[in-house]
Amino acid sequence: GFVMRWYRQASGHEREVVATIATNGTGTYADSVKG
């Protein structure tokens, strides 16, 4: 019943959102990883 998200944090950088998946399975992506 919950949206899930992957994040990443590189050394010396803030944590950023990489990808999100809705409860229906639809995924959205950061431009840097799309495709």
PDB file of all heavy atoms in Angstrom:
ATOM      1  N   GLY A   1       0.780  -1.228   0.000  1.00  0.00           N
ATOM      2  CA  GLY A   1       0.000   0.000   0.000  1.00  0.00           C
ATOM      3  C   GLY A   1       0.810   1.276   0.000  1.00  0.00           C
ATOM      4  O   GLY A   1       0.246   2.371   0.105  1.00  0.00           O
ATOM      5  N   PHE A   2       2.123   1.162  -0.153  1.00  0.00           N
ATOM      6  CA  PHE A   2       2.982   2.333  -0.032  1.00  0.00           C
ATOM      7  C   PHE A   2       3.893   2.507  -1.239  1.00  0.00           C
ATOM      8  O   PHE A   2       4.428   1.533  -1.784  1.00  0.00           O
ATOM      9  CB  PHE A   2       3.840   2.239   1.229  1.00  0.00           C
ATOM     10  CG  PHE A   2       3.052   2.421   2.492  1.00  0.00           C
ATOM     11  CD1 PHE A   2       2.395   1.345   3.069  1.00  0.00           C
ATOM     12  CD2 PHE A   2       2.952   3.664   3.089  1.00  0.00           C
ATOM     13  CE1 PHE A   2       1.641   1.510   4.228  1.00  0.00           C
ATOM     14  CE2 PHE A   2       2.211   3.836   4.244  1.00  0.00           C
ATOM     15  CZ  PHE A   2       1.557   2.758   4.821  1.00  0.00           C
ATOM     16  N   VAL A   3       4.083   3.770  -1.614  1.00  0.00           N
ATOM     17  CA  VAL A   3       5.100   4.137  -2.597  1.00  0.00           C
ATOM     18  C   VAL A   3       6.478   3.789  -2.028  1.00  0.00           C
ATOM     19  O   VAL A   3       6.730   3.969  -0.825  1.00  0.00           O
ATOM     20  CB  VAL A   3       5.009   5.641  -2.888  1.00  0.00           C
ATOM     21  CG1 VAL A   3       6.195   6.113  -3.722  1.00  0.00           C
ATOM     22  CG2 VAL A   3       3.693   5.979  -3.574  1.00  0.00           C
ATOM     23  N   MET A   4       7.354   3.296  -2.893  1.00  0.00           N
ATOM     24  CA  MET A   4       8.721   2.984  -2.493  1.00  0.00           C
ATOM     25  C   MET A   4       9.695   3.773  -3.361  1.00  0.00           C
ATOM     26  O   MET A   4       9.397   4.103  -4.522  1.00  0.00           O
ATOM     27  CB  MET A   4       9.002   1.491  -2.636  1.00  0.00           C
ATOM     28  CG  MET A   4       8.224   0.615  -1.668  1.00  0.00           C
ATOM     29  SD  MET A   4       8.655   0.911   0.062  1.00  0.00           S
ATOM     30  CE  MET A   4      10.384   0.431   0.073  1.00  0.00           C
ATOM     31  N   ARG A   5      10.860   4.048  -2.821  1.00  0.00           N
ATOM     32  CA  ARG A   5      11.805   4.918  -3.505  1.00  0.00           C
ATOM     33  C   ARG A   5      13.231   4.418  -3.275  1.00  0.00           C
ATOM     34  O   ARG A   5      13.541   3.947  -2.181  1.00  0.00           O
ATOM     35  CB  ARG A   5      11.625   6.330  -2.965  1.00  0.00           C
ATOM     36  CG  ARG A   5      12.328   7.421  -3.685  1.00  0.00           C
ATOM     37  CD  ARG A   5      11.787   8.771  -3.214  1.00  0.00           C
ATOM     38  NE  ARG A   5      10.546   9.117  -3.902  1.00  0.00           N
ATOM     39  CZ  ARG A   5       9.749  10.112  -3.524  1.00  0.00           C
ATOM     40  NH1 ARG A   5      10.043  10.823  -2.442  1.00  0.00           N
ATOM     41  NH2 ARG A   5       8.667  10.378  -4.204  1.00  0.00           N
ATOM     42  N   TRP A   6      14.065   4.528  -4.301  1.00  0.00           N
ATOM     43  CA  TRP A   6      15.501   4.334  -4.164  1.00  0.00           C
ATOM     44  C   TRP A   6      16.172   5.709  -4.180  1.00  0.00           C
ATOM     45  O   TRP A   6      15.834   6.571  -4.999  1.00  0.00           O
ATOM     46  CB  TRP A   6      16.065   3.491  -5.304  1.00  0.00           C
ATOM     47  CG  TRP A   6      15.845   2.027  -5.153  1.00  0.00           C
ATOM     48  CD1 TRP A   6      14.877   1.266  -5.736  1.00  0.00           C
ATOM     49  CD2 TRP A   6      16.643   1.121  -4.377  1.00  0.00           C
ATOM     50  NE1 TRP A   6      15.007  -0.046  -5.361  1.00  0.00           N
ATOM     51  CE2 TRP A   6      16.085  -0.167  -4.532  1.00  0.00           C
ATOM     52  CE3 TRP A   6      17.764   1.267  -3.565  1.00  0.00           C
ATOM     53  CZ2 TRP A   6      16.614  -1.304  -3.899  1.00  0.00           C
ATOM     54  CZ3 TRP A   6      18.285   0.152  -2.943  1.00  0.00           C
ATOM     55  CH2 TRP A   6      17.724  -1.116  -3.113  1.00  0.00           C
ATOM     56  N   TYR A   7      17.134   5.864  -3.286  1.00  0.00           N
ATOM     57  CA  TYR A   7      17.947   7.061  -3.198  1.00  0.00           C
ATOM     58  C   TYR A   7      19.413   6.654  -3.334  1.00  0.00           C
ATOM     59  O   TYR A   7      19.752   5.483  -3.185  1.00  0.00           O
ATOM     60  CB  TYR A   7      17.799   7.740  -1.832  1.00  0.00           C
ATOM     61  CG  TYR A   7      16.417   8.138  -1.427  1.00  0.00           C
ATOM     62  CD1 TYR A   7      15.503   7.198  -0.956  1.00  0.00           C
ATOM     63  CD2 TYR A   7      16.021   9.476  -1.472  1.00  0.00           C
ATOM     64  CE1 TYR A   7      14.228   7.576  -0.558  1.00  0.00           C
ATOM     65  CE2 TYR A   7      14.752   9.860  -1.074  1.00  0.00           C
ATOM     66  CZ  TYR A   7      13.868   8.912  -0.610  1.00  0.00           C
ATOM     67  OH  TYR A   7      12.605   9.284  -0.209  1.00  0.00           O
ATOM     68  N   ARG A   8      20.272   7.620  -3.553  1.00  0.00           N
ATOM     69  CA  ARG A   8      21.709   7.376  -3.481  1.00  0.00           C
ATOM     70  C   ARG A   8      22.405   8.608  -2.924  1.00  0.00           C
ATOM     71  O   ARG A   8      21.915   9.725  -3.042  1.00  0.00           O
ATOM     72  CB  ARG A   8      22.286   7.005  -4.844  1.00  0.00           C
ATOM     73  CG  ARG A   8      22.276   8.110  -5.882  1.00  0.00           C
ATOM     74  CD  ARG A   8      22.753   7.555  -7.211  1.00  0.00           C
ATOM     75  NE  ARG A   8      22.755   8.586  -8.255  1.00  0.00           N
ATOM     76  CZ  ARG A   8      22.982   8.331  -9.544  1.00  0.00           C
ATOM     77  NH1 ARG A   8      23.238   7.092  -9.947  1.00  0.00           N
ATOM     78  NH2 ARG A   8      22.978   9.315 -10.421  1.00  0.00           N
ATOM     79  N   GLN A   9      23.557   8.338  -2.322  1.00  0.00           N
ATOM     80  CA  GLN A   9      24.355   9.421  -1.767  1.00  0.00           C
ATOM     81  C   GLN A   9      25.814   9.146  -2.091  1.00  0.00           C
ATOM     82  O   GLN A   9      26.401   8.171  -1.598  1.00  0.00           O
ATOM     83  CB  GLN A   9      24.163   9.551  -0.259  1.00  0.00           C
ATOM     84  CG  GLN A   9      24.867  10.752   0.334  1.00  0.00           C
ATOM     85  CD  GLN A   9      24.422  11.066   1.746  1.00  0.00           C
ATOM     86  OE1 GLN A   9      23.853  10.232   2.441  1.00  0.00           O
ATOM     87  NE2 GLN A   9      24.658  12.284   2.184  1.00  0.00           N
ATOM     88  N   ALA A  10      26.367   9.984  -2.929  1.00  0.00           N
ATOM     89  CA  ALA A  10      27.778   9.907  -3.264  1.00  0.00           C
ATOM     90  C   ALA A  10      28.579  10.672  -2.218  1.00  0.00           C
ATOM     91  O   ALA A  10      28.067  11.589  -1.575  1.00  0.00           O
ATOM     92  CB  ALA A  10      28.025  10.475  -4.651  1.00  0.00           C
ATOM     93  N   SER A  11      29.830  10.301  -2.076  1.00  0.00           N
ATOM     94  CA  SER A  11      30.689  10.945  -1.088  1.00  0.00           C
ATOM     95  C   SER A  11      30.745  12.450  -1.332  1.00  0.00           C
ATOM     96  O   SER A  11      31.009  12.896  -2.457  1.00  0.00           O
ATOM     97  CB  SER A  11      32.083  10.336  -1.163  1.00  0.00           C
ATOM     98  OG  SER A  11      32.944  10.935  -0.227  1.00  0.00           O
ATOM     99  N   GLY A  12      30.465  13.223  -0.284  1.00  0.00           N
ATOM    100  CA  GLY A  12      30.518  14.666  -0.399  1.00  0.00           C
ATOM    101  C   GLY A  12      29.302  15.305  -1.034  1.00  0.00           C
ATOM    102  O   GLY A  12      29.294  16.522  -1.275  1.00  0.00           O
ATOM    103  N   HIS A  13      28.275  14.516  -1.314  1.00  0.00           N
ATOM    104  CA  HIS A  13      27.061  15.028  -1.941  1.00  0.00           C
ATOM    105  C   HIS A  13      25.840  14.732  -1.076  1.00  0.00           C
ATOM    106  O   HIS A  13      25.885  13.873  -0.203  1.00  0.00           O
ATOM    107  CB  HIS A  13      26.865  14.391  -3.326  1.00  0.00           C
ATOM    108  CG  HIS A  13      27.871  14.822  -4.336  1.00  0.00           C
ATOM    109  ND1 HIS A  13      29.160  14.338  -4.369  1.00  0.00           N
ATOM    110  CD2 HIS A  13      27.785  15.696  -5.365  1.00  0.00           C
ATOM    111  CE1 HIS A  13      29.819  14.886  -5.352  1.00  0.00           C
ATOM    112  NE2 HIS A  13      29.009  15.723  -5.982  1.00  0.00           N
ATOM    113  N   GLU A  14      24.762  15.454  -1.337  1.00  0.00           N
ATOM    114  CA  GLU A  14      23.506  15.191  -0.647  1.00  0.00           C
ATOM    115  C   GLU A  14      22.830  13.948  -1.232  1.00  0.00           C
ATOM    116  O   GLU A  14      23.069  13.581  -2.377  1.00  0.00           O
ATOM    117  CB  GLU A  14      22.574  16.405  -0.788  1.00  0.00           C
ATOM    118  CG  GLU A  14      23.062  17.634  -0.040  1.00  0.00           C
ATOM    119  CD  GLU A  14      22.046  18.749  -0.032  1.00  0.00           C
ATOM    120  OE1 GLU A  14      20.983  18.600  -0.668  1.00  0.00           O
ATOM    121  OE2 GLU A  14      22.312  19.783   0.603  1.00  0.00           O
ATOM    122  N   ARG A  15      21.989  13.342  -0.401  1.00  0.00           N
ATOM    123  CA  ARG A  15      21.211  12.208  -0.866  1.00  0.00           C
ATOM    124  C   ARG A  15      20.228  12.664  -1.943  1.00  0.00           C
ATOM    125  O   ARG A  15      19.608  13.731  -1.812  1.00  0.00           O
ATOM    126  CB  ARG A  15      20.466  11.593   0.314  1.00  0.00           C
ATOM    127  CG  ARG A  15      19.894  10.219   0.074  1.00  0.00           C
ATOM    128  CD  ARG A  15      19.390   9.609   1.370  1.00  0.00           C
ATOM    129  NE  ARG A  15      20.482   9.393   2.314  1.00  0.00           N
ATOM    130  CZ  ARG A  15      20.325   8.858   3.513  1.00  0.00           C
ATOM    131  NH1 ARG A  15      19.126   8.497   3.920  1.00  0.00           N
ATOM    132  NH2 ARG A  15      21.347   8.695   4.319  1.00  0.00           N
ATOM    133  N   GLU A  16      20.077  11.865  -2.998  1.00  0.00           N
ATOM    134  CA  GLU A  16      19.178  12.229  -4.088  1.00  0.00           C
ATOM    135  C   GLU A  16      18.265  11.060  -4.432  1.00  0.00           C
ATOM    136  O   GLU A  16      18.621   9.895  -4.255  1.00  0.00           O
ATOM    137  CB  GLU A  16      19.972  12.644  -5.325  1.00  0.00           C
ATOM    138  CG  GLU A  16      20.831  11.561  -5.923  1.00  0.00           C
ATOM    139  CD  GLU A  16      21.524  11.980  -7.223  1.00  0.00           C
ATOM    140  OE1 GLU A  16      21.249  13.077  -7.733  1.00  0.00           O
ATOM    141  OE2 GLU A  16      22.338  11.178  -7.726  1.00  0.00           O
ATOM    142  N   VAL A  17      17.093  11.404  -4.955  1.00  0.00           N
ATOM    143  CA  VAL A  17      16.140  10.392  -5.389  1.00  0.00           C
ATOM    144  C   VAL A  17      16.583   9.839  -6.737  1.00  0.00           C
ATOM    145  O   VAL A  17      16.886  10.590  -7.660  1.00  0.00           O
ATOM    146  CB  VAL A  17      14.721  10.979  -5.500  1.00  0.00           C
ATOM    147  CG1 VAL A  17      13.758   9.930  -6.039  1.00  0.00           C
ATOM    148  CG2 VAL A  17      14.245  11.491  -4.143  1.00  0.00           C
ATOM    149  N   VAL A  18      16.608   8.524  -6.835  1.00  0.00           N
ATOM    150  CA  VAL A  18      16.981   7.853  -8.084  1.00  0.00           C
ATOM    151  C   VAL A  18      15.742   7.383  -8.836  1.00  0.00           C
ATOM    152  O   VAL A  18      15.617   7.614 -10.036  1.00  0.00           O
ATOM    153  CB  VAL A  18      17.903   6.654  -7.781  1.00  0.00           C
ATOM    154  CG1 VAL A  18      18.201   5.876  -9.052  1.00  0.00           C
ATOM    155  CG2 VAL A  18      19.191   7.123  -7.118  1.00  0.00           C
ATOM    156  N   ALA A  19      14.849   6.692  -8.120  1.00  0.00           N
ATOM    157  CA  ALA A  19      13.671   6.125  -8.759  1.00  0.00           C
ATOM    158  C   ALA A  19      12.576   5.935  -7.725  1.00  0.00           C
ATOM    159  O   ALA A  19      12.861   5.690  -6.548  1.00  0.00           O
ATOM    160  CB  ALA A  19      13.998   4.792  -9.422  1.00  0.00           C
ATOM    161  N   THR A  20      11.349   6.025  -8.202  1.00  0.00           N
ATOM    162  CA  THR A  20      10.163   5.876  -7.355  1.00  0.00           C
ATOM    163  C   THR A  20       9.207   4.905  -8.020  1.00  0.00           C
ATOM    164  O   THR A  20       9.051   4.937  -9.252  1.00  0.00           O
ATOM    165  CB  THR A  20       9.461   7.233  -7.185  1.00  0.00           C
ATOM    166  OG1 THR A  20      10.376   8.181  -6.611  1.00  0.00           O
ATOM    167  CG2 THR A  20       8.242   7.111  -6.272  1.00  0.00           C
ATOM    168  N   ILE A  21       8.584   4.047  -7.225  1.00  0.00           N
ATOM    169  CA  ILE A  21       7.572   3.137  -7.775  1.00  0.00           C
ATOM    170  C   ILE A  21       6.277   3.308  -6.999  1.00  0.00           C
ATOM    171  O   ILE A  21       6.258   3.258  -5.768  1.00  0.00           O
ATOM    172  CB  ILE A  21       8.073   1.677  -7.786  1.00  0.00           C
ATOM    173  CG1 ILE A  21       7.068   0.789  -8.530  1.00  0.00           C
ATOM    174  CG2 ILE A  21       8.358   1.156  -6.381  1.00  0.00           C
ATOM    175  CD1 ILE A  21       7.643  -0.565  -8.936  1.00  0.00           C
ATOM    176  N   ALA A  22       5.214   3.521  -7.752  1.00  0.00           N
ATOM    177  CA  ALA A  22       3.900   3.676  -7.150  1.00  0.00           C
ATOM    178  C   ALA A  22       3.336   2.320  -6.748  1.00  0.00           C
ATOM    179  O   ALA A  22       3.892   1.266  -7.073  1.00  0.00           O
ATOM    180  CB  ALA A  22       2.972   4.366  -8.151  1.00  0.00           C
ATOM    181  N   THR A  23       2.208   2.356  -6.050  1.00  0.00           N
ATOM    182  CA  THR A  23       1.590   1.103  -5.618  1.00  0.00           C
ATOM    183  C   THR A  23       1.098   0.278  -6.807  1.00  0.00           C
ATOM    184  O   THR A  23       1.009  -0.945  -6.710  1.00  0.00           O
ATOM    185  CB  THR A  23       0.427   1.372  -4.668  1.00  0.00           C
ATOM    186  OG1 THR A  23      -0.500   2.264  -5.299  1.00  0.00           O
ATOM    187  CG2 THR A  23       0.914   2.023  -3.366  1.00  0.00           C
ATOM    188  N   ASN A  24       0.840   0.940  -7.941  1.00  0.00           N
ATOM    189  CA  ASN A  24       0.387   0.197  -9.124  1.00  0.00           C
ATOM    190  C   ASN A  24       1.556  -0.279  -9.990  1.00  0.00           C
ATOM    191  O   ASN A  24       1.348  -0.835 -11.068  1.00  0.00           O
ATOM    192  CB  ASN A  24      -0.571   1.043  -9.959  1.00  0.00           C
ATOM    193  CG  ASN A  24       0.091   2.263 -10.579  1.00  0.00           C
ATOM    194  OD1 ASN A  24       1.281   2.506 -10.392  1.00  0.00           O
ATOM    195  ND2 ASN A  24      -0.681   3.041 -11.312  1.00  0.00           N
ATOM    196  N   GLY A  25       2.775  -0.049  -9.525  1.00  0.00           N
ATOM    197  CA  GLY A  25       3.945  -0.529 -10.246  1.00  0.00           C
ATOM    198  C   GLY A  25       4.544   0.460 -11.223  1.00  0.00           C
ATOM    199  O   GLY A  25       5.554   0.149 -11.867  1.00  0.00           O
ATOM    200  N   THR A  26       3.969   1.628 -11.342  1.00  0.00           N
ATOM    201  CA  THR A  26       4.500   2.638 -12.256  1.00  0.00           C
ATOM    202  C   THR A  26       5.766   3.251 -11.677  1.00  0.00           C
ATOM    203  O   THR A  26       5.781   3.690 -10.526  1.00  0.00           O
ATOM    204  CB  THR A  26       3.465   3.746 -12.498  1.00  0.00           C
ATOM    205  OG1 THR A  26       2.295   3.161 -13.080  1.00  0.00           O
ATOM    206  CG2 THR A  26       4.018   4.795 -13.444  1.00  0.00           C
ATOM    207  N   GLY A  27       6.829   3.294 -12.499  1.00  0.00           N
ATOM    208  CA  GLY A  27       8.104   3.835 -12.059  1.00  0.00           C
ATOM    209  C   GLY A  27       8.398   5.198 -12.657  1.00  0.00           C
ATOM    210  O   GLY A  27       8.019   5.473 -13.797  1.00  0.00           O
ATOM    211  N   THR A  28       9.058   6.043 -11.897  1.00  0.00           N
ATOM    212  CA  THR A  28       9.567   7.324 -12.392  1.00  0.00           C
ATOM    213  C   THR A  28      11.025   7.419 -12.003  1.00  0.00           C
ATOM    214  O   THR A  28      11.452   6.815 -10.997  1.00  0.00           O
ATOM    215  CB  THR A  28       8.785   8.523 -11.841  1.00  0.00           C
ATOM    216  OG1 THR A  28       8.823   8.467 -10.396  1.00  0.00           O
ATOM    217  CG2 THR A  28       7.337   8.501 -12.296  1.00  0.00           C
ATOM    218  N   TYR A  29      11.809   8.196 -12.792  1.00  0.00           N
ATOM    219  CA  TYR A  29      13.251   8.159 -12.661  1.00  0.00           C
ATOM    220  C   TYR A  29      13.871   9.546 -12.722  1.00  0.00           C
ATOM    221  O   TYR A  29      13.354  10.442 -13.389  1.00  0.00           O
ATOM    222  CB  TYR A  29      13.836   7.311 -13.792  1.00  0.00           C
ATOM    223  CG  TYR A  29      13.289   5.905 -13.803  1.00  0.00           C
ATOM    224  CD1 TYR A  29      12.152   5.584 -14.532  1.00  0.00           C
ATOM    225  CD2 TYR A  29      13.908   4.904 -13.064  1.00  0.00           C
ATOM    226  CE1 TYR A  29      11.634   4.304 -14.512  1.00  0.00           C
ATOM    227  CE2 TYR A  29      13.405   3.620 -13.042  1.00  0.00           C
ATOM    228  CZ  TYR A  29      12.258   3.325 -13.775  1.00  0.00           C
ATOM    229  OH  TYR A  29      11.749   2.054 -13.744  1.00  0.00           O
ATOM    230  N   ALA A  30      15.010   9.663 -12.040  1.00  0.00           N
ATOM    231  CA  ALA A  30      15.823  10.856 -12.207  1.00  0.00           C
ATOM    232  C   ALA A  30      16.350  10.881 -13.640  1.00  0.00           C
ATOM    233  O   ALA A  30      16.601   9.829 -14.236  1.00  0.00           O
ATOM    234  CB  ALA A  30      16.981  10.838 -11.219  1.00  0.00           C
ATOM    235  N   ASP A  31      16.523  12.076 -14.190  1.00  0.00           N
ATOM    236  CA  ASP A  31      17.000  12.190 -15.568  1.00  0.00           C
ATOM    237  C   ASP A  31      18.341  11.488 -15.758  1.00  0.00           C
ATOM    238  O   ASP A  31      18.611  10.930 -16.830  1.00  0.00           O
ATOM    239  CB  ASP A  31      17.137  13.665 -15.946  1.00  0.00           C
ATOM    240  CG  ASP A  31      15.795  14.341 -16.163  1.00  0.00           C
ATOM    241  OD1 ASP A  31      14.776  13.625 -16.307  1.00  0.00           O
ATOM    242  OD2 ASP A  31      15.760  15.586 -16.171  1.00  0.00           O
ATOM    243  N   SER A  32      19.171  11.488 -14.730  1.00  0.00           N
ATOM    244  CA  SER A  32      20.515  10.924 -14.847  1.00  0.00           C
ATOM    245  C   SER A  32      20.527   9.409 -15.023  1.00  0.00           C
ATOM    246  O   SER A  32      21.538   8.848 -15.466  1.00  0.00           O
ATOM    247  CB  SER A  32      21.344  11.295 -13.619  1.00  0.00           C
ATOM    248  OG  SER A  32      20.718  10.831 -12.435  1.00  0.00           O
ATOM    249  N   VAL A  33      19.422   8.741 -14.678  1.00  0.00           N
ATOM    250  CA  VAL A  33      19.394   7.280 -14.784  1.00  0.00           C
ATOM    251  C   VAL A  33      18.323   6.778 -15.744  1.00  0.00           C
ATOM    252  O   VAL A  33      18.232   5.567 -15.987  1.00  0.00           O
ATOM    253  CB  VAL A  33      19.177   6.629 -13.399  1.00  0.00           C
ATOM    254  CG1 VAL A  33      20.214   7.132 -12.397  1.00  0.00           C
ATOM    255  CG2 VAL A  33      17.765   6.843 -12.879  1.00  0.00           C
ATOM    256  N   LYS A  34      17.539   7.674 -16.292  1.00  0.00           N
ATOM    257  CA  LYS A  34      16.439   7.285 -17.171  1.00  0.00           C
ATOM    258  C   LYS A  34      16.974   6.503 -18.364  1.00  0.00           C
ATOM    259  O   LYS A  34      17.959   6.891 -18.994  1.00  0.00           O
ATOM    260  CB  LYS A  34      15.697   8.540 -17.644  1.00  0.00           C
ATOM    261  CG  LYS A  34      14.251   8.332 -18.006  1.00  0.00           C
ATOM    262  CD  LYS A  34      13.546   9.662 -18.230  1.00  0.00           C
ATOM    263  CE  LYS A  34      13.366  10.438 -16.948  1.00  0.00           C
ATOM    264  NZ  LYS A  34      12.603  11.695 -17.134  1.00  0.00           N
ATOM    265  N   GLY A  35      16.327   5.373 -18.646  1.00  0.00           N
ATOM    266  CA  GLY A  35      16.751   4.527 -19.755  1.00  0.00           C
ATOM    267  C   GLY A  35      17.811   3.506 -19.374  1.00  0.00           C
ATOM    268  O   GLY A  35      18.100   2.597 -20.147  1.00  0.00           O
TER     269      GLY A  35
END
